[in-house]
Structure formats: structure tokens, C-alpha cells
Protein backbone atom coordinates (compact mmCIF):
# COMPACT_ATOMS: atom_id res chain seq x y z
CA MET A 1 -0.13 0.05 -0.08
CA GLU A 2 2.54 2.48 0.72
CA ASP A 3 3.49 1.94 -3.08
CA CYS A 4 0.52 3.64 -4.09
CA PHE A 5 0.57 6.17 -1.78
CA LEU A 6 4.20 6.71 -3.13
CA ILE A 7 2.53 7.17 -6.74
CA ALA A 8 -0.19 9.38 -5.08
CA CYS A 9 2.02 11.88 -3.63
CA SER A 10 3.83 12.20 -7.57
CA ASN A 11 0.54 13.00 -9.04
CA ASN A 12 -1.36 15.67 -8.58
CA ASP A 13 -4.82 14.13 -6.80
CA ILE A 14 -4.84 15.85 -3.37
CA ASN A 15 -8.45 13.49 -2.76
CA VAL A 16 -6.17 10.29 -3.32
CA ILE A 17 -3.90 11.13 -1.05
CA SER A 18 -6.31 12.16 1.40
CA TYR A 19 -8.18 8.77 0.78
CA LEU A 20 -5.55 6.94 1.37
CA ALA A 21 -4.04 8.49 4.60
CA LYS A 22 -7.42 8.24 6.04
CA ASN A 23 -8.10 4.62 4.57
CA SER A 24 -4.62 2.44 5.50
CA GLU A 25 -1.60 2.18 7.57
CA ILE A 26 0.30 4.24 5.99
CA TYR A 27 3.83 5.26 7.85
CA ILE A 28 4.13 8.34 6.87
CA ASN A 29 8.01 8.71 7.73
CA SER A 30 8.69 5.55 5.49
CA GLU A 31 12.06 6.55 3.25
CA THR A 32 13.22 5.01 0.36
CA SER A 33 16.74 3.22 -0.07
CA LYS A 34 18.32 6.67 -0.82
CA GLY A 35 16.11 8.42 1.92
CA ALA A 36 13.55 9.96 -0.17
CA ASN A 37 10.35 10.29 1.62
CA TYR A 38 7.00 11.29 0.58
CA LEU A 39 7.66 14.89 0.89
CA LEU A 40 10.51 14.92 -1.44
CA TYR A 41 8.52 12.52 -3.62
CA ALA A 42 5.83 15.12 -4.24
CA CYS A 43 8.29 17.84 -4.38
CA ALA A 44 9.73 16.46 -7.13
CA GLU A 45 7.63 15.27 -9.37
CA ASN A 46 4.42 17.85 -9.39
CA ILE A 47 3.93 21.29 -9.08
CA ASN A 48 0.75 21.37 -7.08
CA LEU A 49 1.23 23.32 -3.82
CA SER A 50 -1.86 21.72 -2.10
CA VAL A 51 -0.57 18.22 -2.37
CA VAL A 52 2.60 19.56 -0.22
CA GLN A 53 0.88 21.53 1.89
CA TYR A 54 -1.24 18.65 2.91
CA LEU A 55 1.97 16.36 3.48
CA ILE A 56 3.29 19.36 6.00
CA GLU A 57 0.23 20.44 7.61
CA VAL A 58 -2.05 17.90 8.00
CA LEU A 59 -0.25 14.33 7.97
CA LYS A 60 3.11 15.98 9.60
CA VAL A 61 5.53 14.86 7.09
CA ASP A 62 8.83 16.35 8.02
CA LYS A 63 9.63 19.17 5.94
CA ASN A 64 13.27 19.27 7.35
CA HIS A 65 13.96 15.86 6.35
CA LYS A 66 16.90 14.91 3.83
CA ASP A 67 17.69 12.37 1.88
CA ILE A 68 21.05 10.53 1.81
CA TYR A 69 22.67 13.01 -0.46
CA GLY A 70 21.64 16.10 1.96
CA LEU A 71 19.13 16.92 -0.32
CA ASN A 72 15.70 18.38 1.31
CA CYS A 73 12.11 19.46 -0.19
CA LEU A 74 13.02 22.83 -1.44
CA MET A 75 15.76 21.33 -3.19
CA TYR A 76 13.68 19.00 -4.99
CA ALA A 77 11.10 21.48 -5.58
CA CYS A 78 13.78 23.59 -7.56
CA GLN A 79 14.58 20.85 -9.90
CA CYS A 80 11.15 19.74 -10.56
CA ARG A 81 10.26 19.58 -14.13
């Protein structure tokens, strides 16, 4: 289920993210093998500020988290396509 949540964070649908967060047991602070969390994926893969805002304000994902390379969510957002 966490893979579904990761994909949802990479897309622009806040409704899917909200549904998965409320109806499944997601460990919100999980990381990939390279240290990326859901917020980093959201910042890197989409331009929907409401997704990022929801992750930080509602789900309380750590906004200061850094991956194994020392990159944080702002750095990921700056690299967003």
C-alpha cells in the first residue's frame, strides 16, 4: 500500500492522497533506500502546492527531512520539471 501512496504523492490528486492516508495504515515517515520520503517525492514530481501543504500541515511529514545526499524538499522542488 505504501507504493500506492508514493505514487499518489508524485501526482496531483490530493483526493487520492487524502483517501489513502485516512483509509490505510501508512507509515508516514517511511523512506526509500536513498532516504527520500513522501514529501520529497511530492516536491520533485508535481507542481501542486496543495499536495505539499497537505503532507506538511495535515499528515505532519517532516519538512526538514533530507535524503542520503543531503537534499531537502526545497531542493527537490527547485529541480521539479
